Amino acid sequence: MLDKLIQVEQRYESIQEQIADPSVISDMDKYTALMKELKQITPVVEKYREYKKAETTFNEAKELIDMGGLDPEFEELAQEDYKSGKEDMERISEELKILLLPRDPNDDKNVIVEIRAGTGGEESALFAHSLFRMYTMYAEAKGFKYEIMSENSTELGGYKEVSFEVKGDGAYSRYKFESGTHRVQRVPETESQGRIQTSAVTVAVLPEAEAVDFELDMADVKIDVFRSSGAGGQKVNKTSSAIRATYIPTGLVVECQDERSQFQNKDKALTILRTKLYEEQLAKAAAERADARKSMVGSGDRSERIRTYNFPQGRVSDHRINLTLYKIDQIMDGDLDELIDALITADTAEKLKADAE
């Protein structure tokens, strides 16, 4: 580990020199890439230097103690430095193991979240809207920006499906464990008999692909224009501005009709298409590593049941890590940090275990 830390520190110092070079500053692409790398490795270097400081304290104290002949008061101080230095080295060493774990290259990306009603009819559509509200309130709490990309609403205000983009530094790292089937148990607003119903909604979280991630050849894309549709009212666009983009090689289709402008809808549709193709590319690469471990927090398969929201009991249970929280109202209002932090901790622990084997 120490050899790797030395290499990281050397790389840090090399980048510091490069970003002060006028020729690098004038090359915006190179400068941006170096600054991004610098941001990623700075926490490692800072922690490593903290480790070296503790190591120096420990070694100097040990040398004094080994020499002997110290007066009692000075020896007591040396013993305290020896003990604190050793404890700090052990603590920082564990923190460095976590910092050196391979990063998910998508963690810093924006995300596209897709929510679709499943079993449960109108109640499922209403819960899809509740999840949309939960995720967008969470985005606001984290300082992220969100924008609806497409929506298909119902007469009662639910969503058959909705997709939206969340923009912000580290957005994917906070949303990525939400892919899967979310089950809700509650008395539906549409139920007059007061009986508890179980419904399901599927969520997919995709890292937004940039042009450098997946180069989309427009010769492979068919663009169709059609009139927007919806539940009715003023939101329905009477002009043909909605866009359907079809990726000809695979038949993958995406639609966008949220914007009034045909050009805006086309831009959004191509962003979604590129992101879905990028996801397929990532999934193919993962399949080729089929012998790799399956993460504790699940495969990310959107068909996998990951969480249950039980309203009568006021609880939310995440089945991947056996965590139950009795704070359903706060969670539905976007207070997701406790859930998400627990999932990240479980994933980190599993990676550390795999790294040690």
Protein backbone atom coordinates (compact mmCIF):
# COMPACT_ATOMS: atom_id res chain seq x y z
CA MET A 1 0.00 0.00 0.00
CA LEU A 2 2.83 2.40 0.84
CA ASP A 3 4.37 1.95 -2.62
CA LYS A 4 1.04 2.89 -4.19
CA LEU A 5 0.75 5.93 -1.91
CA ILE A 6 4.21 7.12 -2.92
CA GLN A 7 3.20 6.85 -6.59
CA VAL A 8 -0.02 8.79 -5.96
CA GLU A 9 1.90 11.56 -4.18
CA GLN A 10 4.42 11.76 -7.03
CA ARG A 11 1.55 12.02 -9.51
CA TYR A 12 -0.02 14.76 -7.38
CA GLU A 13 3.21 16.78 -7.45
CA SER A 14 3.56 16.23 -11.20
CA ILE A 15 0.04 17.55 -11.84
CA GLN A 16 0.73 20.57 -9.64
CA GLU A 17 3.70 21.42 -11.86
CA GLN A 18 1.76 20.85 -15.09
CA ILE A 19 -1.21 23.05 -14.20
CA ALA A 20 1.19 25.93 -13.55
CA ASP A 21 2.59 25.57 -17.09
CA PRO A 22 1.19 28.27 -19.45
CA SER A 23 1.06 25.80 -22.35
CA VAL A 24 -1.18 23.48 -20.30
CA ILE A 25 -3.37 26.34 -19.09
CA SER A 26 -4.00 27.34 -22.70
CA ASP A 27 -5.08 23.77 -23.56
CA MET A 28 -8.51 23.74 -21.89
CA ASP A 29 -9.20 20.03 -22.44
CA LYS A 30 -5.89 18.95 -20.93
CA TYR A 31 -6.16 21.47 -18.08
CA THR A 32 -9.70 20.30 -17.24
CA ALA A 33 -8.66 16.64 -17.27
CA LEU A 34 -5.69 17.35 -14.97
CA MET A 35 -7.84 19.36 -12.55
CA LYS A 36 -10.36 16.52 -12.43
CA GLU A 37 -7.61 14.01 -11.65
CA LEU A 38 -6.13 16.35 -9.06
CA LYS A 39 -9.49 16.63 -7.31
CA GLN A 40 -9.77 12.83 -7.16
CA ILE A 41 -6.32 12.14 -5.69
CA THR A 42 -6.03 15.14 -3.34
CA PRO A 43 -7.91 13.42 -0.44
CA VAL A 44 -5.53 10.44 -0.74
CA VAL A 45 -2.43 12.63 -0.68
CA GLU A 46 -3.70 14.69 2.25
CA LYS A 47 -4.45 11.54 4.25
CA TYR A 48 -1.08 10.02 3.32
CA ARG A 49 0.73 13.13 4.56
CA GLU A 50 -1.30 12.92 7.76
CA TYR A 51 -0.07 9.32 8.09
CA LYS A 52 3.57 10.37 7.56
CA LYS A 53 3.22 13.03 10.26
CA ALA A 54 1.89 10.44 12.72
CA GLU A 55 4.67 8.07 11.70
CA THR A 56 7.29 10.74 12.42
CA THR A 57 5.78 11.37 15.86
CA PHE A 58 5.80 7.63 16.59
CA ASN A 59 9.39 7.06 15.40
CA GLU A 60 10.83 10.03 17.30
CA ALA A 61 9.08 8.98 20.50
CA LYS A 62 10.24 5.37 20.07
CA GLU A 63 13.83 6.50 19.52
CA LEU A 64 13.78 8.56 22.74
CA ILE A 65 12.28 5.70 24.74
CA ASP A 66 14.79 3.21 23.35
CA MET A 67 17.68 5.53 24.28
CA GLY A 68 16.59 5.49 27.93
CA GLY A 69 17.89 7.78 30.67
CA LEU A 70 14.93 10.19 30.41
CA ASP A 71 13.64 12.01 33.46
CA PRO A 72 10.17 10.74 34.53
CA GLU A 73 8.22 13.75 33.23
CA PHE A 74 9.91 13.72 29.79
CA GLU A 75 9.53 9.94 29.53
CA GLU A 76 5.80 10.26 30.23
CA LEU A 77 5.48 12.76 27.36
CA ALA A 78 7.44 10.44 25.06
CA GLN A 79 5.17 7.51 26.02
CA GLU A 80 2.09 9.62 25.20
CA ASP A 81 3.53 10.57 21.79
CA TYR A 82 4.43 6.92 21.16
CA LYS A 83 0.90 5.75 21.97
CA SER A 84 -0.92 8.52 20.07
CA GLY A 85 1.38 8.14 17.05
CA LYS A 86 0.75 4.40 16.90
CA GLU A 87 -3.02 4.81 17.26
CA ASP A 88 -3.11 7.52 14.59
CA MET A 89 -1.09 5.37 12.18
CA GLU A 90 -3.49 2.44 12.64
CA ARG A 91 -6.58 4.62 12.21
CA ILE A 92 -5.25 6.48 9.15
CA SER A 93 -4.06 3.23 7.59
CA GLU A 94 -7.65 1.92 7.61
CA GLU A 95 -8.91 5.19 6.14
CA LEU A 96 -6.30 4.98 3.39
CA LYS A 97 -7.43 1.46 2.47
CA ILE A 98 -10.88 2.86 1.77
CA LEU A 99 -9.53 5.84 -0.19
CA LEU A 100 -7.41 3.53 -2.34
CA LEU A 101 -10.34 1.32 -3.35
CA PRO A 102 -11.06 1.57 -7.10
CA ARG A 103 -13.49 4.43 -7.71
CA ASP A 104 -16.60 4.01 -9.76
CA PRO A 105 -15.67 6.10 -12.83
CA ASN A 106 -19.29 7.24 -13.09
CA ASP A 107 -19.61 8.56 -9.53
CA ASP A 108 -19.13 12.21 -10.48
CA LYS A 109 -21.56 12.09 -13.39
CA ASN A 110 -25.05 13.51 -13.68
CA VAL A 111 -27.81 10.90 -13.71
CA ILE A 112 -30.98 10.11 -15.59
CA VAL A 113 -33.62 8.54 -13.36
CA GLU A 114 -36.49 6.58 -14.91
CA ILE A 115 -39.53 5.66 -12.81
CA ARG A 116 -42.22 3.32 -14.17
CA ALA A 117 -45.47 2.16 -12.60
CA GLY A 118 -45.67 -1.62 -12.26
CA THR A 119 -48.21 -3.91 -10.65
CA GLY A 120 -51.04 -2.15 -8.84
CA GLY A 121 -52.77 -0.08 -11.50
CA GLU A 122 -53.55 3.53 -10.55
CA GLU A 123 -52.08 3.06 -7.04
CA SER A 124 -48.76 2.11 -8.63
CA ALA A 125 -48.88 5.24 -10.80
CA LEU A 126 -49.59 7.40 -7.73
CA PHE A 127 -46.65 5.84 -5.90
CA ALA A 128 -44.45 6.47 -8.96
CA HIS A 129 -45.31 10.14 -8.50
CA SER A 130 -44.48 9.85 -4.77
CA LEU A 131 -41.03 8.45 -5.63
CA PHE A 132 -40.50 11.23 -8.17
CA ARG A 133 -41.32 13.76 -5.45
CA MET A 134 -38.98 11.97 -2.99
CA TYR A 135 -36.03 11.94 -5.38
CA THR A 136 -36.47 15.54 -6.52
CA MET A 137 -36.79 16.78 -2.93
CA TYR A 138 -33.57 14.90 -2.16
CA ALA A 139 -31.90 16.56 -5.16
CA GLU A 140 -32.90 19.98 -3.84
CA ALA A 141 -31.61 19.12 -0.35
CA LYS A 142 -28.20 18.13 -1.82
CA GLY A 143 -27.97 21.26 -3.96
CA PHE A 144 -28.47 19.33 -7.22
CA LYS A 145 -30.57 20.61 -10.11
CA TYR A 146 -33.20 18.44 -11.77
CA GLU A 147 -35.15 18.65 -15.01
CA ILE A 148 -37.97 16.46 -16.31
CA MET A 149 -37.07 14.85 -19.63
CA SER A 150 -40.30 12.97 -20.38
CA GLU A 151 -43.49 12.11 -18.51
CA ASN A 152 -46.68 10.15 -19.03
CA SER A 153 -49.17 11.14 -16.36
CA THR A 154 -52.58 9.76 -15.37
CA GLU A 155 -55.89 11.50 -14.75
CA LEU A 156 -55.45 11.20 -10.96
CA GLY A 157 -52.00 12.81 -10.96
CA GLY A 158 -49.89 9.67 -11.02
CA TYR A 159 -47.16 8.70 -13.44
CA LYS A 160 -47.24 5.74 -15.79
CA GLU A 161 -43.63 6.69 -16.35
CA VAL A 162 -41.37 9.69 -15.86
CA SER A 163 -37.72 10.30 -16.56
CA PHE A 164 -35.69 13.21 -15.26
CA GLU A 165 -32.10 14.36 -15.14
CA VAL A 166 -30.27 15.22 -11.93
CA LYS A 167 -27.24 17.46 -12.36
CA GLY A 168 -24.58 17.96 -9.72
CA ASP A 169 -21.11 16.90 -8.63
CA GLY A 170 -21.39 13.32 -7.38
CA ALA A 171 -25.06 12.89 -8.32
CA TYR A 172 -24.56 9.31 -9.55
CA SER A 173 -22.72 8.32 -6.35
CA ARG A 174 -25.83 9.30 -4.34
CA TYR A 175 -28.50 7.80 -6.62
CA LYS A 176 -26.86 4.69 -8.06
CA PHE A 177 -28.17 2.21 -5.48
CA GLU A 178 -31.80 3.15 -6.21
CA SER A 179 -32.17 0.95 -9.30
CA GLY A 180 -34.63 -1.88 -8.76
CA THR A 181 -38.20 -2.60 -7.74
CA HIS A 182 -39.71 -0.48 -4.97
CA ARG A 183 -42.72 -2.05 -3.25
CA VAL A 184 -45.36 -0.03 -1.40
CA GLN A 185 -47.91 -1.27 1.13
CA ARG A 186 -50.62 1.23 2.01
CA VAL A 187 -54.34 1.98 1.79
CA PRO A 188 -54.73 3.46 -1.70
CA GLU A 189 -56.35 6.83 -2.23
CA THR A 190 -58.59 5.01 -4.71
CA GLU A 191 -59.66 2.36 -2.13
CA SER A 192 -62.92 3.11 -0.31
CA GLN A 193 -62.86 -0.03 1.87
CA GLY A 194 -59.66 0.86 3.71
CA ARG A 195 -57.82 -2.30 2.66
CA ILE A 196 -54.03 -2.36 2.41
CA GLN A 197 -52.77 -2.92 -1.14
CA THR A 198 -49.31 -3.92 -2.31
CA SER A 199 -48.05 -2.25 -5.48
CA ALA A 200 -44.69 -1.96 -7.20
CA VAL A 201 -42.72 0.64 -9.13
CA THR A 202 -39.45 0.12 -10.99
CA VAL A 203 -36.61 2.62 -10.90
CA ALA A 204 -33.58 2.78 -13.18
CA VAL A 205 -30.65 5.09 -12.50
CA LEU A 206 -28.30 5.69 -15.43
CA PRO A 207 -25.05 7.67 -15.43
CA GLU A 208 -25.49 10.37 -18.04
CA ALA A 209 -23.24 9.64 -20.98
CA GLU A 210 -21.12 12.41 -22.39
CA ALA A 211 -20.04 12.55 -26.00
CA VAL A 212 -16.63 11.17 -24.99
CA ASP A 213 -18.29 8.15 -23.32
CA PHE A 214 -20.30 7.02 -26.33
CA GLU A 215 -19.92 8.48 -29.78
CA LEU A 216 -23.36 8.43 -31.39
CA ASP A 217 -23.31 8.15 -35.18
CA MET A 218 -26.38 10.06 -36.36
CA ALA A 219 -26.47 7.85 -39.46
CA ASP A 220 -27.64 5.12 -37.08
CA VAL A 221 -30.46 7.24 -35.63
CA LYS A 222 -33.95 7.71 -37.04
CA ILE A 223 -35.77 10.84 -35.83
CA ASP A 224 -39.58 11.04 -35.91
CA VAL A 225 -41.67 14.07 -34.93
CA PHE A 226 -45.12 13.65 -33.38
CA ARG A 227 -47.67 15.54 -31.29
CA SER A 228 -47.29 15.49 -27.50
CA SER A 229 -49.83 13.55 -25.47
CA GLY A 230 -50.71 13.53 -21.80
CA ALA A 231 -53.47 13.44 -19.24
CA GLY A 232 -55.08 16.57 -20.71
CA GLY A 233 -55.25 20.22 -19.78
CA GLN A 234 -52.93 23.03 -20.66
CA LYS A 235 -49.78 20.89 -20.53
CA VAL A 236 -50.65 19.10 -23.76
CA ASN A 237 -48.74 20.56 -26.69
CA LYS A 238 -50.99 21.01 -29.72
CA THR A 239 -48.06 21.23 -32.14
CA SER A 240 -45.88 18.41 -33.46
CA SER A 241 -42.82 19.05 -31.33
CA ALA A 242 -42.35 15.71 -29.55
CA ILE A 243 -39.40 13.61 -30.69
CA ARG A 244 -38.95 9.85 -31.06
CA ALA A 245 -35.35 8.72 -31.60
CA THR A 246 -34.71 5.15 -32.77
CA TYR A 247 -31.26 3.56 -32.73
CA ILE A 248 -31.46 1.53 -35.94
CA PRO A 249 -28.80 -1.15 -35.15
CA THR A 250 -30.72 -2.41 -32.09
CA GLY A 251 -34.17 -0.89 -32.41
CA LEU A 252 -33.84 1.00 -29.11
CA VAL A 253 -36.45 3.79 -28.94
CA VAL A 254 -36.62 6.87 -26.69
CA GLU A 255 -39.13 9.70 -26.69
CA CYS A 256 -39.08 13.24 -25.34
CA GLN A 257 -42.05 15.58 -25.33
CA ASP A 258 -41.63 17.73 -22.23
CA GLU A 259 -40.31 20.82 -23.99
CA ARG A 260 -42.27 23.15 -26.27
CA SER A 261 -39.40 23.33 -28.71
CA GLN A 262 -38.75 20.51 -31.17
CA PHE A 263 -35.03 21.26 -31.00
CA GLN A 264 -34.96 21.03 -27.19
CA ASN A 265 -36.83 17.73 -27.29
CA LYS A 266 -34.44 16.37 -29.89
CA ASP A 267 -31.43 17.36 -27.79
CA LYS A 268 -32.90 15.67 -24.71
CA ALA A 269 -33.93 12.56 -26.65
CA LEU A 270 -30.40 12.14 -28.01
CA THR A 271 -28.97 12.58 -24.48
CA ILE A 272 -31.23 9.79 -23.19
CA LEU A 273 -30.41 7.58 -26.19
CA ARG A 274 -26.67 8.07 -25.73
CA THR A 275 -27.02 7.31 -22.01
CA LYS A 276 -28.97 4.09 -22.62
CA LEU A 277 -26.43 2.92 -25.19
CA TYR A 278 -23.63 3.75 -22.75
CA GLU A 279 -25.43 1.70 -20.08
CA GLU A 280 -25.65 -1.24 -22.48
CA GLN A 281 -21.93 -0.88 -23.14
CA LEU A 282 -21.22 -0.96 -19.40
CA ALA A 283 -23.54 -3.94 -18.90
CA LYS A 284 -21.77 -5.87 -21.67
CA ALA A 285 -18.40 -5.18 -20.05
CA ALA A 286 -19.77 -6.33 -16.69
CA ALA A 287 -21.11 -9.54 -18.25
CA GLU A 288 -17.66 -10.32 -19.57
CA ARG A 289 -16.47 -10.22 -15.96
CA ALA A 290 -19.13 -12.72 -14.89
CA ASP A 291 -16.81 -14.37 -12.39
CA ALA A 292 -16.49 -11.09 -10.45
CA ARG A 293 -18.25 -10.83 -7.10
CA LYS A 294 -21.86 -9.74 -6.83
CA SER A 295 -22.06 -6.59 -4.73
CA MET A 296 -23.69 -6.84 -1.30
CA VAL A 297 -26.05 -4.04 -2.21
CA GLY A 298 -27.36 -5.87 -5.23
CA SER A 299 -26.72 -6.12 -8.91
CA GLY A 300 -28.57 -2.95 -9.81
CA ASP A 301 -31.02 -5.04 -11.84
CA ARG A 302 -34.16 -2.97 -12.03
CA SER A 303 -36.29 -6.14 -11.69
CA GLU A 304 -34.80 -6.92 -8.28
CA ARG A 305 -36.97 -5.98 -5.30
CA ILE A 306 -34.80 -3.72 -3.24
CA ARG A 307 -37.06 -1.82 -0.84
CA THR A 308 -40.50 -1.89 0.81
CA TYR A 309 -42.38 1.19 2.00
CA ASN A 310 -44.98 0.12 4.60
CA PHE A 311 -47.18 3.11 5.42
CA PRO A 312 -49.42 1.52 8.12
CA GLN A 313 -46.30 0.58 10.14
CA GLY A 314 -44.41 3.76 9.21
CA ARG A 315 -41.35 1.83 8.10
CA VAL A 316 -39.02 1.59 5.12
CA SER A 317 -37.01 -1.62 4.72
CA ASP A 318 -34.04 -2.04 2.39
CA HIS A 319 -33.81 -5.78 1.72
CA ARG A 320 -30.24 -5.73 0.40
CA ILE A 321 -28.68 -4.74 3.73
CA ASN A 322 -31.52 -5.74 6.10
CA LEU A 323 -32.02 -2.15 7.24
CA THR A 324 -35.39 -0.93 8.54
CA LEU A 325 -36.07 2.68 9.44
CA TYR A 326 -39.24 3.89 11.13
CA LYS A 327 -39.26 7.33 9.53
CA ILE A 328 -41.32 6.88 6.38
CA ASP A 329 -42.69 10.44 6.34
CA GLN A 330 -39.19 11.96 6.46
CA ILE A 331 -37.92 9.57 3.79
CA MET A 332 -40.82 10.33 1.45
CA ASP A 333 -39.98 14.02 1.95
CA GLY A 334 -36.49 13.39 0.55
CA ASP A 335 -34.54 12.58 3.73
CA LEU A 336 -32.57 9.75 2.11
CA ASP A 337 -29.06 10.25 3.49
CA GLU A 338 -29.32 7.62 6.25
CA LEU A 339 -30.45 4.99 3.73
CA ILE A 340 -27.92 5.95 1.08
CA ASP A 341 -25.00 6.26 3.53
CA ALA A 342 -25.80 2.76 4.87
CA LEU A 343 -25.77 1.34 1.34
CA ILE A 344 -22.45 3.03 0.56
CA THR A 345 -20.95 1.71 3.82
CA ALA A 346 -22.12 -1.84 3.03
CA ASP A 347 -20.71 -1.63 -0.48
CA THR A 348 -17.38 -0.32 0.82
CA ALA A 349 -17.18 -3.10 3.42
CA GLU A 350 -17.80 -5.72 0.73
CA LYS A 351 -15.10 -4.22 -1.49
CA LEU A 352 -12.61 -4.19 1.41
CA LYS A 353 -13.44 -7.84 2.11
CA ALA A 354 -12.92 -8.78 -1.53
CA ASP A 355 -9.68 -6.78 -1.66
CA ALA A 356 -8.35 -8.66 1.37
CA GLU A 357 -9.09 -12.10 -0.08
